[in-house]
């Protein structure tokens, strides 16, 4: 039973985009590894940009600096 966890920042990923990710990852595991789609689990976690850090600072700070 494959388990895939996708983490993205919480910035407006639509329901349709999430459905496409879930279907696409499931299809990839079927095509590449021959896994059964009925036992494939895909979880999408949305993380606030304040809780996601790169190079010692939050994504929020990095993006504010770019503006």
C-alpha atoms as a PDB file:
ATOM      1  CA  UNK A   1       0.000   0.000   0.000  1.00  0.00           C
ATOM      2  CA  UNK A   2       1.869   3.092  -1.215  1.00  0.00           C
ATOM      3  CA  UNK A   3       1.560   6.273   0.833  1.00  0.00           C
ATOM      4  CA  UNK A   4       2.560   9.577  -0.737  1.00  0.00           C
ATOM      5  CA  UNK A   5       2.637  12.845   1.200  1.00  0.00           C
ATOM      6  CA  UNK A   6       2.709  16.095  -0.787  1.00  0.00           C
ATOM      7  CA  UNK A   7       3.421  19.316   1.077  1.00  0.00           C
ATOM      8  CA  UNK A   8       2.741  22.698  -0.455  1.00  0.00           C
ATOM      9  CA  UNK A   9       2.500  26.176   0.960  1.00  0.00           C
ATOM     10  CA  UNK A  10      -1.048  27.312   1.639  1.00  0.00           C
ATOM     11  CA  UNK A  11      -1.453  29.764  -1.181  1.00  0.00           C
ATOM     12  CA  UNK A  12      -4.580  29.099  -3.115  1.00  0.00           C
ATOM     13  CA  UNK A  13      -4.171  25.576  -4.456  1.00  0.00           C
ATOM     14  CA  UNK A  14      -7.621  24.860  -5.833  1.00  0.00           C
ATOM     15  CA  UNK A  15      -9.717  21.769  -5.202  1.00  0.00           C
ATOM     16  CA  UNK A  16      -9.323  20.917  -8.884  1.00  0.00           C
ATOM     17  CA  UNK A  17      -5.530  21.167  -8.706  1.00  0.00           C
ATOM     18  CA  UNK A  18      -5.466  18.914  -5.653  1.00  0.00           C
ATOM     19  CA  UNK A  19      -7.649  16.363  -7.420  1.00  0.00           C
ATOM     20  CA  UNK A  20      -5.279  16.470 -10.394  1.00  0.00           C
ATOM     21  CA  UNK A  21      -2.265  15.912  -8.117  1.00  0.00           C
ATOM     22  CA  UNK A  22      -3.945  12.965  -6.408  1.00  0.00           C
ATOM     23  CA  UNK A  23      -4.933  11.358  -9.702  1.00  0.00           C
ATOM     24  CA  UNK A  24      -1.564  12.066 -11.315  1.00  0.00           C
ATOM     25  CA  UNK A  25       0.485  10.620  -8.458  1.00  0.00           C
ATOM     26  CA  UNK A  26      -1.767   7.569  -8.306  1.00  0.00           C
ATOM     27  CA  UNK A  27      -1.377   7.028 -12.062  1.00  0.00           C
ATOM     28  CA  UNK A  28       2.400   7.434 -11.803  1.00  0.00           C
ATOM     29  CA  UNK A  29       2.625   4.709  -9.158  1.00  0.00           C
ATOM     30  CA  UNK A  30       0.445   2.437 -11.287  1.00  0.00           C
ATOM     31  CA  UNK A  31       2.484   3.080 -14.453  1.00  0.00           C
ATOM     32  CA  UNK A  32       5.989   2.986 -12.973  1.00  0.00           C
ATOM     33  CA  UNK A  33       5.682   0.525 -10.095  1.00  0.00           C
ATOM     34  CA  UNK A  34       2.588  -1.452 -11.029  1.00  0.00           C
ATOM     35  CA  UNK A  35       0.825  -0.482  -7.795  1.00  0.00           C
ATOM     36  CA  UNK A  36      -2.869  -1.035  -7.217  1.00  0.00           C
ATOM     37  CA  UNK A  37      -4.665   2.327  -7.351  1.00  0.00           C
ATOM     38  CA  UNK A  38      -7.318   1.139  -4.902  1.00  0.00           C
ATOM     39  CA  UNK A  39      -4.685   0.809  -2.164  1.00  0.00           C
ATOM     40  CA  UNK A  40      -2.669   3.930  -3.042  1.00  0.00           C
ATOM     41  CA  UNK A  41      -2.979   6.763  -0.522  1.00  0.00           C
ATOM     42  CA  UNK A  42      -2.103  10.365  -1.396  1.00  0.00           C
ATOM     43  CA  UNK A  43      -2.221  13.079   1.271  1.00  0.00           C
ATOM     44  CA  UNK A  44      -1.783  16.785   0.567  1.00  0.00           C
ATOM     45  CA  UNK A  45      -0.686  18.966   3.478  1.00  0.00           C
ATOM     46  CA  UNK A  46      -0.946  22.722   3.131  1.00  0.00           C
ATOM     47  CA  UNK A  47       1.581  24.571   5.264  1.00  0.00           C
ATOM     48  CA  UNK A  48       1.411  28.251   6.193  1.00  0.00           C
ATOM     49  CA  UNK A  49       4.366  30.169   4.761  1.00  0.00           C
ATOM     50  CA  UNK A  50       5.327  31.224   8.308  1.00  0.00           C
ATOM     51  CA  UNK A  51       5.839  27.520   9.075  1.00  0.00           C
ATOM     52  CA  UNK A  52       8.022  26.742   6.042  1.00  0.00           C
ATOM     53  CA  UNK A  53      11.659  27.749   6.209  1.00  0.00           C
ATOM     54  CA  UNK A  54      14.419  27.936   3.632  1.00  0.00           C
ATOM     55  CA  UNK A  55      18.005  28.973   4.361  1.00  0.00           C
ATOM     56  CA  UNK A  56      17.203  30.022   7.905  1.00  0.00           C
ATOM     57  CA  UNK A  57      14.153  32.175   7.244  1.00  0.00           C
ATOM     58  CA  UNK A  58      10.466  31.683   6.620  1.00  0.00           C
ATOM     59  CA  UNK A  59       8.978  31.686   3.146  1.00  0.00           C
ATOM     60  CA  UNK A  60       6.868  34.657   4.252  1.00  0.00           C
ATOM     61  CA  UNK A  61       9.983  36.756   4.949  1.00  0.00           C
ATOM     62  CA  UNK A  62      11.706  35.644   1.747  1.00  0.00           C
ATOM     63  CA  UNK A  63       8.705  36.598  -0.350  1.00  0.00           C
ATOM     64  CA  UNK A  64       8.242  39.940   1.371  1.00  0.00           C
ATOM     65  CA  UNK A  65      11.873  40.754   0.638  1.00  0.00           C
ATOM     66  CA  UNK A  66      11.400  40.007  -3.073  1.00  0.00           C
ATOM     67  CA  UNK A  67       8.597  42.557  -3.426  1.00  0.00           C
END
